Amino acid sequence: MPIRFKVLSTVFVIILLLAQEEGLQLFKSIHATVAALVLLGVFSLVALWPNSSRTDRVDRSMSGSNWGDRIDFDKS
């Protein structure tokens, strides 16, 4: 699990806890519930967005399409 997912899930839980502490009652009305679900959706998209890490850039720059093309099999 990437660190970005852990950090964003922790931030989302803290936001929900702070909202409850302030008395916002996020799930009392339909508008507040939709807003909380939209916020969850935004955090989920950011957390799960593909990361263009160094490994992915190396794979794209090679002639093969992914790391599996670099594996050499013994034909004995």
C-alpha atoms as a PDB file:
ATOM      1  CA  MET A   1       0.000   0.000   0.000  1.00  0.00           C
ATOM      2  CA  PRO A   2       1.575   3.312  -1.010  1.00  0.00           C
ATOM      3  CA  ILE A   3       2.326   5.971   1.580  1.00  0.00           C
ATOM      4  CA  ARG A   4       0.041   8.422  -0.245  1.00  0.00           C
ATOM      5  CA  PHE A   5      -2.966   6.192   0.467  1.00  0.00           C
ATOM      6  CA  LYS A   6      -2.101   5.910   4.166  1.00  0.00           C
ATOM      7  CA  VAL A   7      -1.602   9.655   4.568  1.00  0.00           C
ATOM      8  CA  LEU A   8      -4.791  10.625   2.741  1.00  0.00           C
ATOM      9  CA  SER A   9      -6.908   8.085   4.607  1.00  0.00           C
ATOM     10  CA  THR A  10      -5.550   9.419   7.904  1.00  0.00           C
ATOM     11  CA  VAL A  11      -6.296  13.002   6.836  1.00  0.00           C
ATOM     12  CA  PHE A  12      -9.837  12.027   5.832  1.00  0.00           C
ATOM     13  CA  VAL A  13     -10.512  10.375   9.189  1.00  0.00           C
ATOM     14  CA  ILE A  14      -9.128  13.423  11.010  1.00  0.00           C
ATOM     15  CA  ILE A  15     -11.379  15.716   8.946  1.00  0.00           C
ATOM     16  CA  LEU A  16     -14.420  13.596   9.840  1.00  0.00           C
ATOM     17  CA  LEU A  17     -13.495  13.548  13.528  1.00  0.00           C
ATOM     18  CA  LEU A  18     -12.920  17.310  13.606  1.00  0.00           C
ATOM     19  CA  ALA A  19     -16.249  17.899  11.866  1.00  0.00           C
ATOM     20  CA  GLN A  20     -18.029  15.777  14.459  1.00  0.00           C
ATOM     21  CA  GLU A  21     -16.206  17.588  17.263  1.00  0.00           C
ATOM     22  CA  GLU A  22     -17.324  20.963  15.908  1.00  0.00           C
ATOM     23  CA  GLY A  23     -20.909  19.738  15.801  1.00  0.00           C
ATOM     24  CA  LEU A  24     -21.353  19.728  12.031  1.00  0.00           C
ATOM     25  CA  GLN A  25     -23.169  16.357  12.029  1.00  0.00           C
ATOM     26  CA  LEU A  26     -22.130  15.333   8.528  1.00  0.00           C
ATOM     27  CA  PHE A  27     -24.766  12.641   8.097  1.00  0.00           C
ATOM     28  CA  LYS A  28     -27.815  14.484   9.446  1.00  0.00           C
ATOM     29  CA  SER A  29     -29.063  15.876   6.127  1.00  0.00           C
ATOM     30  CA  ILE A  30     -28.848  14.614   2.559  1.00  0.00           C
ATOM     31  CA  HIS A  31     -26.723  17.608   1.505  1.00  0.00           C
ATOM     32  CA  ALA A  32     -24.143  16.991   4.207  1.00  0.00           C
ATOM     33  CA  THR A  33     -24.075  13.283   3.381  1.00  0.00           C
ATOM     34  CA  VAL A  34     -23.507  13.971  -0.322  1.00  0.00           C
ATOM     35  CA  ALA A  35     -20.754  16.462   0.558  1.00  0.00           C
ATOM     36  CA  ALA A  36     -19.033  13.875   2.772  1.00  0.00           C
ATOM     37  CA  LEU A  37     -19.274  11.251   0.021  1.00  0.00           C
ATOM     38  CA  VAL A  38     -17.901  13.685  -2.574  1.00  0.00           C
ATOM     39  CA  LEU A  39     -15.013  14.463  -0.225  1.00  0.00           C
ATOM     40  CA  LEU A  40     -14.402  10.723   0.184  1.00  0.00           C
ATOM     41  CA  GLY A  41     -14.469  10.320  -3.608  1.00  0.00           C
ATOM     42  CA  VAL A  42     -11.935  13.100  -4.109  1.00  0.00           C
ATOM     43  CA  PHE A  43      -9.603  11.639  -1.496  1.00  0.00           C
ATOM     44  CA  SER A  44      -9.997   8.182  -3.060  1.00  0.00           C
ATOM     45  CA  LEU A  45      -9.153   9.440  -6.544  1.00  0.00           C
ATOM     46  CA  VAL A  46      -6.065  11.257  -5.303  1.00  0.00           C
ATOM     47  CA  ALA A  47      -4.940   8.281  -3.205  1.00  0.00           C
ATOM     48  CA  LEU A  48      -5.419   5.720  -5.968  1.00  0.00           C
ATOM     49  CA  TRP A  49      -4.165   7.812  -8.918  1.00  0.00           C
ATOM     50  CA  PRO A  50      -1.386   5.921 -10.728  1.00  0.00           C
ATOM     51  CA  ASN A  51       2.086   6.976  -9.724  1.00  0.00           C
ATOM     52  CA  SER A  52       4.575   7.636 -12.500  1.00  0.00           C
ATOM     53  CA  SER A  53       7.509   6.343 -10.524  1.00  0.00           C
ATOM     54  CA  ARG A  54      10.997   5.745 -11.846  1.00  0.00           C
ATOM     55  CA  THR A  55      10.242   2.085 -12.595  1.00  0.00           C
ATOM     56  CA  ASP A  56       7.300   2.997 -14.798  1.00  0.00           C
ATOM     57  CA  ARG A  57       9.333   5.602 -16.678  1.00  0.00           C
ATOM     58  CA  VAL A  58      12.108   3.063 -17.304  1.00  0.00           C
ATOM     59  CA  ASP A  59       9.565   0.521 -18.599  1.00  0.00           C
ATOM     60  CA  ARG A  60       8.054   3.068 -20.965  1.00  0.00           C
ATOM     61  CA  SER A  61      11.435   4.136 -22.310  1.00  0.00           C
ATOM     62  CA  MET A  62      12.408   0.544 -23.172  1.00  0.00           C
ATOM     63  CA  SER A  63      11.215  -1.143 -26.318  1.00  0.00           C
ATOM     64  CA  GLY A  64       9.037  -3.559 -24.321  1.00  0.00           C
ATOM     65  CA  SER A  65       5.678  -2.575 -22.966  1.00  0.00           C
ATOM     66  CA  ASN A  66       6.320  -3.604 -19.355  1.00  0.00           C
ATOM     67  CA  TRP A  67       8.725  -5.309 -16.941  1.00  0.00           C
ATOM     68  CA  GLY A  68       7.623  -8.778 -18.047  1.00  0.00           C
ATOM     69  CA  ASP A  69       9.280  -8.258 -21.430  1.00  0.00           C
ATOM     70  CA  ARG A  70      12.694  -8.056 -19.761  1.00  0.00           C
ATOM     71  CA  ILE A  71      12.500 -11.573 -18.265  1.00  0.00           C
ATOM     72  CA  ASP A  72      14.740 -14.132 -19.947  1.00  0.00           C
ATOM     73  CA  PHE A  73      13.483 -17.710 -19.890  1.00  0.00           C
ATOM     74  CA  ASP A  74      15.780 -20.727 -20.033  1.00  0.00           C
ATOM     75  CA  LYS A  75      14.930 -22.903 -23.023  1.00  0.00           C
ATOM     76  CA  SER A  76      16.425 -26.138 -21.751  1.00  0.00           C
END
